[in-house]
Amino acid sequence: MIRNAQSQFGVGSFQQKLAIGDFHLLADVEAASGGDNTGPSPHEYLAAALASCTSMTLKMYAGRKSMNLTNAIVTVQVERENDIEKFNRDIQLFGELAEEEKQRLLEIANKCPIHKALSGEIQIKTQLVN
């Protein structure tokens, strides 16, 4: 089950207090954008979601296929250009892997649930509840 994410005002100009189940996080923007830089920005959280999901998916797949993948470092950069979000994802694979295994893992990276969500159709329903 995916837990609800909740956000409410924090301190300063932009800070938000986030709660996801028992986890508490902060979101903010950099000082150059008017924030206090007390936490990642929403776009940075989005990049982290794609990076962590990709790495988890690679770890799971490699384990199931008994591949010698010892680590995967996934770096995601998000840019906004002409109202289009561009995700640049770099994947470093570590371990003794054959070239075919590396290529298969690259294919599997595109099958992570967050990749599918971001590249598929998205629907957002918004309603006032008070």
N, C-alpha and C. Protein backbone atom coordinates (compact mmCIF):
# COMPACT_ATOMS: atom_id res chain seq x y z
N MET A 1 0.84 -1.18 0.00
CA MET A 1 0.00 0.00 0.00
C MET A 1 0.88 1.24 0.00
N ILE A 2 0.54 2.20 -0.79
CA ILE A 2 1.27 3.47 -0.83
C ILE A 2 0.64 4.40 0.21
N ARG A 3 1.47 4.87 1.14
CA ARG A 3 0.97 5.77 2.18
C ARG A 3 0.72 7.16 1.59
N ASN A 4 -0.21 7.88 2.18
CA ASN A 4 -0.49 9.25 1.77
C ASN A 4 0.69 10.15 2.11
N ALA A 5 0.91 11.14 1.28
CA ALA A 5 1.88 12.19 1.56
C ALA A 5 1.10 13.44 1.92
N GLN A 6 1.50 14.09 3.00
CA GLN A 6 0.81 15.30 3.45
C GLN A 6 1.82 16.41 3.61
N SER A 7 1.45 17.61 3.21
CA SER A 7 2.31 18.78 3.32
C SER A 7 1.55 19.91 4.00
N GLN A 8 2.26 20.64 4.84
CA GLN A 8 1.69 21.84 5.44
C GLN A 8 2.79 22.87 5.63
N PHE A 9 2.39 24.12 5.82
CA PHE A 9 3.36 25.19 5.95
C PHE A 9 4.35 24.91 7.06
N GLY A 10 5.62 25.22 6.78
CA GLY A 10 6.67 25.20 7.79
C GLY A 10 7.05 26.63 8.10
N VAL A 11 8.31 26.85 8.46
CA VAL A 11 8.79 28.20 8.76
C VAL A 11 9.41 28.81 7.52
N GLY A 12 9.52 30.11 7.51
CA GLY A 12 10.16 30.78 6.38
C GLY A 12 9.21 30.96 5.21
N SER A 13 9.77 31.40 4.11
CA SER A 13 8.97 31.77 2.94
C SER A 13 8.32 30.58 2.24
N PHE A 14 9.05 29.47 2.10
CA PHE A 14 8.56 28.35 1.30
C PHE A 14 8.56 27.00 2.00
N GLN A 15 9.21 26.87 3.14
CA GLN A 15 9.37 25.56 3.77
C GLN A 15 8.03 24.86 3.97
N GLN A 16 8.03 23.57 3.70
CA GLN A 16 6.88 22.71 3.92
C GLN A 16 7.29 21.56 4.83
N LYS A 17 6.39 21.21 5.76
CA LYS A 17 6.59 20.05 6.62
C LYS A 17 5.83 18.89 5.96
N LEU A 18 6.56 17.84 5.65
CA LEU A 18 5.97 16.68 4.97
C LEU A 18 5.83 15.53 5.95
N ALA A 19 4.76 14.78 5.81
CA ALA A 19 4.56 13.56 6.58
C ALA A 19 4.13 12.47 5.62
N ILE A 20 4.81 11.34 5.72
CA ILE A 20 4.46 10.14 4.95
C ILE A 20 4.49 9.00 5.96
N GLY A 21 3.32 8.58 6.41
CA GLY A 21 3.28 7.61 7.49
C GLY A 21 3.98 8.19 8.70
N ASP A 22 4.94 7.45 9.26
CA ASP A 22 5.70 7.91 10.43
C ASP A 22 6.93 8.73 10.06
N PHE A 23 7.17 8.96 8.77
CA PHE A 23 8.35 9.70 8.33
C PHE A 23 8.02 11.18 8.21
N HIS A 24 8.94 12.01 8.69
CA HIS A 24 8.77 13.46 8.64
C HIS A 24 9.95 14.07 7.91
N LEU A 25 9.67 14.87 6.90
CA LEU A 25 10.69 15.46 6.05
C LEU A 25 10.38 16.94 5.87
N LEU A 26 11.34 17.66 5.31
CA LEU A 26 11.13 19.06 4.97
C LEU A 26 11.34 19.25 3.48
N ALA A 27 10.61 20.17 2.92
CA ALA A 27 10.83 20.61 1.54
C ALA A 27 11.00 22.13 1.59
N ASP A 28 11.81 22.64 0.70
CA ASP A 28 12.08 24.07 0.66
C ASP A 28 12.65 24.38 -0.72
N VAL A 29 13.03 25.58 -0.95
CA VAL A 29 13.76 25.95 -2.16
C VAL A 29 15.03 26.66 -1.74
N GLU A 30 15.95 26.75 -2.67
CA GLU A 30 17.24 27.38 -2.40
C GLU A 30 17.06 28.86 -2.07
N ALA A 31 18.04 29.40 -1.34
CA ALA A 31 18.00 30.82 -0.98
C ALA A 31 17.95 31.71 -2.21
N ALA A 32 18.62 31.30 -3.28
CA ALA A 32 18.62 32.10 -4.51
C ALA A 32 17.22 32.21 -5.12
N SER A 33 16.32 31.28 -4.75
CA SER A 33 14.94 31.32 -5.24
C SER A 33 13.97 31.86 -4.20
N GLY A 34 14.52 32.39 -3.09
CA GLY A 34 13.68 32.99 -2.07
C GLY A 34 13.37 32.11 -0.88
N GLY A 35 13.91 30.89 -0.87
CA GLY A 35 13.68 29.99 0.25
C GLY A 35 14.81 30.06 1.27
N ASP A 36 14.79 29.13 2.20
CA ASP A 36 15.82 29.07 3.24
C ASP A 36 16.72 27.85 3.10
N ASN A 37 16.53 27.06 2.05
CA ASN A 37 17.37 25.90 1.77
C ASN A 37 17.42 24.92 2.95
N THR A 38 16.25 24.66 3.57
CA THR A 38 16.19 23.75 4.71
C THR A 38 15.84 22.32 4.31
N GLY A 39 15.64 22.09 3.03
CA GLY A 39 15.33 20.74 2.56
C GLY A 39 15.32 20.72 1.05
N PRO A 40 15.22 19.53 0.47
CA PRO A 40 15.15 19.43 -0.98
C PRO A 40 13.91 20.13 -1.52
N SER A 41 13.99 20.55 -2.77
CA SER A 41 12.84 21.16 -3.43
C SER A 41 11.91 20.05 -3.92
N PRO A 42 10.66 20.39 -4.24
CA PRO A 42 9.77 19.37 -4.80
C PRO A 42 10.35 18.68 -6.03
N HIS A 43 11.01 19.44 -6.92
CA HIS A 43 11.62 18.81 -8.09
C HIS A 43 12.75 17.86 -7.69
N GLU A 44 13.49 18.21 -6.64
CA GLU A 44 14.55 17.32 -6.16
C GLU A 44 13.97 16.04 -5.57
N TYR A 45 12.84 16.15 -4.88
CA TYR A 45 12.18 14.94 -4.39
C TYR A 45 11.71 14.07 -5.55
N LEU A 46 11.24 14.70 -6.61
CA LEU A 46 10.82 13.96 -7.79
C LEU A 46 12.01 13.23 -8.42
N ALA A 47 13.15 13.91 -8.50
CA ALA A 47 14.37 13.28 -9.01
C ALA A 47 14.79 12.12 -8.10
N ALA A 48 14.70 12.32 -6.79
CA ALA A 48 15.06 11.26 -5.84
C ALA A 48 14.13 10.06 -5.97
N ALA A 49 12.85 10.31 -6.23
CA ALA A 49 11.91 9.21 -6.42
C ALA A 49 12.30 8.35 -7.62
N LEU A 50 12.64 9.00 -8.73
CA LEU A 50 13.05 8.24 -9.91
C LEU A 50 14.38 7.53 -9.67
N ALA A 51 15.33 8.20 -9.05
CA ALA A 51 16.64 7.58 -8.80
C ALA A 51 16.52 6.37 -7.88
N SER A 52 15.80 6.52 -6.77
CA SER A 52 15.70 5.42 -5.81
C SER A 52 14.89 4.26 -6.37
N CYS A 53 13.82 4.55 -7.08
CA CYS A 53 13.01 3.48 -7.68
C CYS A 53 13.82 2.71 -8.72
N THR A 54 14.59 3.43 -9.53
CA THR A 54 15.43 2.77 -10.54
C THR A 54 16.43 1.84 -9.87
N SER A 55 17.12 2.33 -8.85
CA SER A 55 18.12 1.52 -8.16
C SER A 55 17.49 0.30 -7.48
N MET A 56 16.33 0.50 -6.85
CA MET A 56 15.63 -0.63 -6.21
C MET A 56 15.25 -1.69 -7.25
N THR A 57 14.74 -1.24 -8.38
CA THR A 57 14.32 -2.15 -9.44
C THR A 57 15.51 -2.95 -9.97
N LEU A 58 16.64 -2.27 -10.17
CA LEU A 58 17.84 -2.96 -10.64
C LEU A 58 18.32 -3.99 -9.62
N LYS A 59 18.29 -3.63 -8.34
CA LYS A 59 18.74 -4.54 -7.28
C LYS A 59 17.84 -5.78 -7.23
N MET A 60 16.54 -5.55 -7.31
CA MET A 60 15.59 -6.66 -7.27
C MET A 60 15.79 -7.60 -8.47
N TYR A 61 15.87 -7.02 -9.66
CA TYR A 61 16.01 -7.83 -10.87
C TYR A 61 17.32 -8.61 -10.86
N ALA A 62 18.41 -7.93 -10.54
CA ALA A 62 19.72 -8.60 -10.51
C ALA A 62 19.73 -9.74 -9.49
N GLY A 63 19.09 -9.54 -8.36
CA GLY A 63 19.01 -10.59 -7.36
C GLY A 63 18.23 -11.80 -7.84
N ARG A 64 17.12 -11.54 -8.50
CA ARG A 64 16.30 -12.64 -9.03
C ARG A 64 17.01 -13.42 -10.12
N LYS A 65 17.84 -12.73 -10.88
CA LYS A 65 18.55 -13.37 -11.99
C LYS A 65 19.97 -13.80 -11.61
N SER A 66 20.29 -13.71 -10.32
CA SER A 66 21.62 -14.08 -9.80
C SER A 66 22.76 -13.38 -10.55
N MET A 67 22.55 -12.11 -10.87
CA MET A 67 23.61 -11.32 -11.50
C MET A 67 24.55 -10.80 -10.41
N ASN A 68 25.78 -10.60 -10.75
CA ASN A 68 26.76 -10.10 -9.81
C ASN A 68 26.77 -8.57 -9.81
N LEU A 69 25.63 -7.98 -9.54
CA LEU A 69 25.52 -6.52 -9.42
C LEU A 69 25.75 -6.17 -7.96
N THR A 70 26.87 -5.51 -7.66
CA THR A 70 27.20 -5.18 -6.28
C THR A 70 26.68 -3.80 -5.88
N ASN A 71 26.45 -2.93 -6.85
CA ASN A 71 25.88 -1.62 -6.55
C ASN A 71 25.42 -0.97 -7.86
N ALA A 72 24.46 -0.10 -7.72
CA ALA A 72 24.02 0.73 -8.85
C ALA A 72 23.85 2.14 -8.29
N ILE A 73 24.54 3.08 -8.89
CA ILE A 73 24.40 4.48 -8.51
C ILE A 73 23.61 5.17 -9.62
N VAL A 74 22.47 5.71 -9.25
CA VAL A 74 21.59 6.35 -10.20
C VAL A 74 21.51 7.84 -9.86
N THR A 75 21.87 8.67 -10.81
CA THR A 75 21.84 10.12 -10.62
C THR A 75 20.81 10.70 -11.58
N VAL A 76 19.90 11.50 -11.05
CA VAL A 76 18.85 12.09 -11.86
C VAL A 76 18.90 13.60 -11.72
N GLN A 77 18.90 14.27 -12.85
CA GLN A 77 18.83 15.72 -12.88
C GLN A 77 17.55 16.10 -13.60
N VAL A 78 16.81 17.05 -13.03
CA VAL A 78 15.57 17.51 -13.63
C VAL A 78 15.78 18.94 -14.11
N GLU A 79 15.42 19.18 -15.36
CA GLU A 79 15.48 20.52 -15.93
C GLU A 79 14.11 20.86 -16.47
N ARG A 80 13.78 22.12 -16.45
CA ARG A 80 12.51 22.57 -17.04
C ARG A 80 12.85 23.48 -18.20
N GLU A 81 12.35 23.11 -19.38
CA GLU A 81 12.63 23.88 -20.58
C GLU A 81 11.37 23.97 -21.42
N ASN A 82 10.91 25.18 -21.67
CA ASN A 82 9.69 25.40 -22.46
C ASN A 82 8.50 24.62 -21.92
N ASP A 83 8.30 24.69 -20.60
CA ASP A 83 7.21 23.98 -19.92
C ASP A 83 7.27 22.46 -20.06
N ILE A 84 8.46 21.93 -20.31
CA ILE A 84 8.65 20.48 -20.40
C ILE A 84 9.68 20.08 -19.34
N GLU A 85 9.31 19.08 -18.53
CA GLU A 85 10.25 18.55 -17.54
C GLU A 85 11.15 17.54 -18.25
N LYS A 86 12.44 17.73 -18.12
CA LYS A 86 13.40 16.81 -18.74
C LYS A 86 14.19 16.12 -17.63
N PHE A 87 14.12 14.80 -17.62
CA PHE A 87 14.82 13.99 -16.64
C PHE A 87 16.04 13.38 -17.30
N ASN A 88 17.21 13.69 -16.78
CA ASN A 88 18.45 13.08 -17.27
C ASN A 88 18.90 12.08 -16.20
N ARG A 89 18.91 10.81 -16.57
CA ARG A 89 19.23 9.75 -15.61
C ARG A 89 20.52 9.06 -16.04
N ASP A 90 21.52 9.08 -15.16
CA ASP A 90 22.79 8.39 -15.38
C ASP A 90 22.85 7.20 -14.44
N ILE A 91 23.23 6.05 -14.97
CA ILE A 91 23.30 4.82 -14.18
C ILE A 91 24.70 4.27 -14.24
N GLN A 92 25.28 4.05 -13.06
CA GLN A 92 26.58 3.39 -12.95
C GLN A 92 26.33 2.00 -12.36
N LEU A 93 26.79 0.98 -13.04
CA LEU A 93 26.64 -0.40 -12.57
C LEU A 93 27.99 -0.91 -12.08
N PHE A 94 28.00 -1.56 -10.91
CA PHE A 94 29.22 -2.11 -10.34
C PHE A 94 29.06 -3.61 -10.13
N GLY A 95 30.11 -4.33 -10.36
CA GLY A 95 30.10 -5.78 -10.23
C GLY A 95 30.59 -6.41 -11.50
N GLU A 96 30.84 -7.68 -11.45
CA GLU A 96 31.30 -8.39 -12.63
C GLU A 96 30.09 -8.79 -13.46
N LEU A 97 29.82 -7.97 -14.47
CA LEU A 97 28.65 -8.16 -15.31
C LEU A 97 29.07 -8.29 -16.76
N ALA A 98 28.44 -9.21 -17.45
CA ALA A 98 28.67 -9.34 -18.89
C ALA A 98 27.97 -8.17 -19.59
N GLU A 99 28.42 -7.87 -20.79
CA GLU A 99 27.82 -6.75 -21.55
C GLU A 99 26.32 -6.97 -21.76
N GLU A 100 25.91 -8.22 -21.99
CA GLU A 100 24.49 -8.52 -22.17
C GLU A 100 23.70 -8.22 -20.90
N GLU A 101 24.30 -8.52 -19.74
CA GLU A 101 23.64 -8.23 -18.47
C GLU A 101 23.48 -6.72 -18.28
N LYS A 102 24.50 -5.98 -18.62
CA LYS A 102 24.44 -4.52 -18.50
C LYS A 102 23.33 -3.96 -19.38
N GLN A 103 23.23 -4.44 -20.60
CA GLN A 103 22.20 -3.96 -21.51
C GLN A 103 20.80 -4.34 -21.00
N ARG A 104 20.68 -5.53 -20.44
CA ARG A 104 19.39 -5.96 -19.89
C ARG A 104 19.01 -5.08 -18.69
N LEU A 105 19.97 -4.77 -17.85
CA LEU A 105 19.71 -3.91 -16.70
C LEU A 105 19.29 -2.51 -17.15
N LEU A 106 19.86 -2.03 -18.23
CA LEU A 106 19.47 -0.73 -18.78
C LEU A 106 18.00 -0.78 -19.22
N GLU A 107 17.59 -1.87 -19.85
CA GLU A 107 16.19 -2.05 -20.24
C GLU A 107 15.29 -2.09 -19.01
N ILE A 108 15.73 -2.82 -17.99
CA ILE A 108 14.94 -2.97 -16.76
C ILE A 108 14.77 -1.63 -16.06
N ALA A 109 15.77 -0.76 -16.14
CA ALA A 109 15.68 0.56 -15.51
C ALA A 109 14.44 1.31 -15.99
N ASN A 110 14.10 1.13 -17.25
CA ASN A 110 12.93 1.81 -17.81
C ASN A 110 11.61 1.18 -17.38
N LYS A 111 11.68 0.10 -16.63
CA LYS A 111 10.47 -0.58 -16.17
C LYS A 111 10.17 -0.28 -14.70
N CYS A 112 10.97 0.58 -14.07
CA CYS A 112 10.68 0.88 -12.66
C CYS A 112 9.35 1.62 -12.58
N PRO A 113 8.59 1.41 -11.51
CA PRO A 113 7.25 2.00 -11.41
C PRO A 113 7.22 3.54 -11.52
N ILE A 114 8.20 4.22 -10.99
CA ILE A 114 8.20 5.68 -11.09
C ILE A 114 8.48 6.12 -12.52
N HIS A 115 9.37 5.42 -13.21
CA HIS A 115 9.61 5.73 -14.63
C HIS A 115 8.31 5.57 -15.41
N LYS A 116 7.62 4.47 -15.15
CA LYS A 116 6.34 4.23 -15.84
C LYS A 116 5.33 5.33 -15.52
N ALA A 117 5.27 5.73 -14.25
CA ALA A 117 4.31 6.77 -13.85
C ALA A 117 4.63 8.10 -14.52
N LEU A 118 5.91 8.46 -14.55
CA LEU A 118 6.29 9.74 -15.13
C LEU A 118 6.18 9.77 -16.64
N SER A 119 6.35 8.63 -17.29
CA SER A 119 6.30 8.62 -18.75
C SER A 119 4.94 8.20 -19.28
N GLY A 120 4.04 7.79 -18.39
CA GLY A 120 2.71 7.39 -18.82
C GLY A 120 1.71 8.52 -18.62
N GLU A 121 0.46 8.19 -18.77
CA GLU A 121 -0.59 9.18 -18.56
C GLU A 121 -0.76 9.40 -17.07
N ILE A 122 -0.86 10.65 -16.68
CA ILE A 122 -1.03 11.01 -15.27
C ILE A 122 -2.34 11.77 -15.13
N GLN A 123 -3.10 11.42 -14.10
CA GLN A 123 -4.33 12.14 -13.80
C GLN A 123 -4.22 12.67 -12.38
N ILE A 124 -4.56 13.92 -12.19
CA ILE A 124 -4.56 14.53 -10.87
C ILE A 124 -5.94 15.09 -10.60
N LYS A 125 -6.59 14.57 -9.59
CA LYS A 125 -7.92 15.05 -9.20
C LYS A 125 -7.73 15.92 -7.95
N THR A 126 -8.19 17.15 -8.00
CA THR A 126 -8.06 18.07 -6.88
C THR A 126 -9.42 18.49 -6.40
N GLN A 127 -9.61 18.46 -5.07
CA GLN A 127 -10.88 18.86 -4.50
C GLN A 127 -10.66 19.52 -3.15
N LEU A 128 -11.52 20.45 -2.78
CA LEU A 128 -11.51 21.02 -1.43
C LEU A 128 -12.25 20.07 -0.51
N VAL A 129 -11.74 19.86 0.69
CA VAL A 129 -12.39 18.90 1.60
C VAL A 129 -12.89 19.55 2.88
N ASN A 130 -12.89 20.87 2.95
CA ASN A 130 -13.46 21.51 4.14
C ASN A 130 -14.46 22.55 3.77
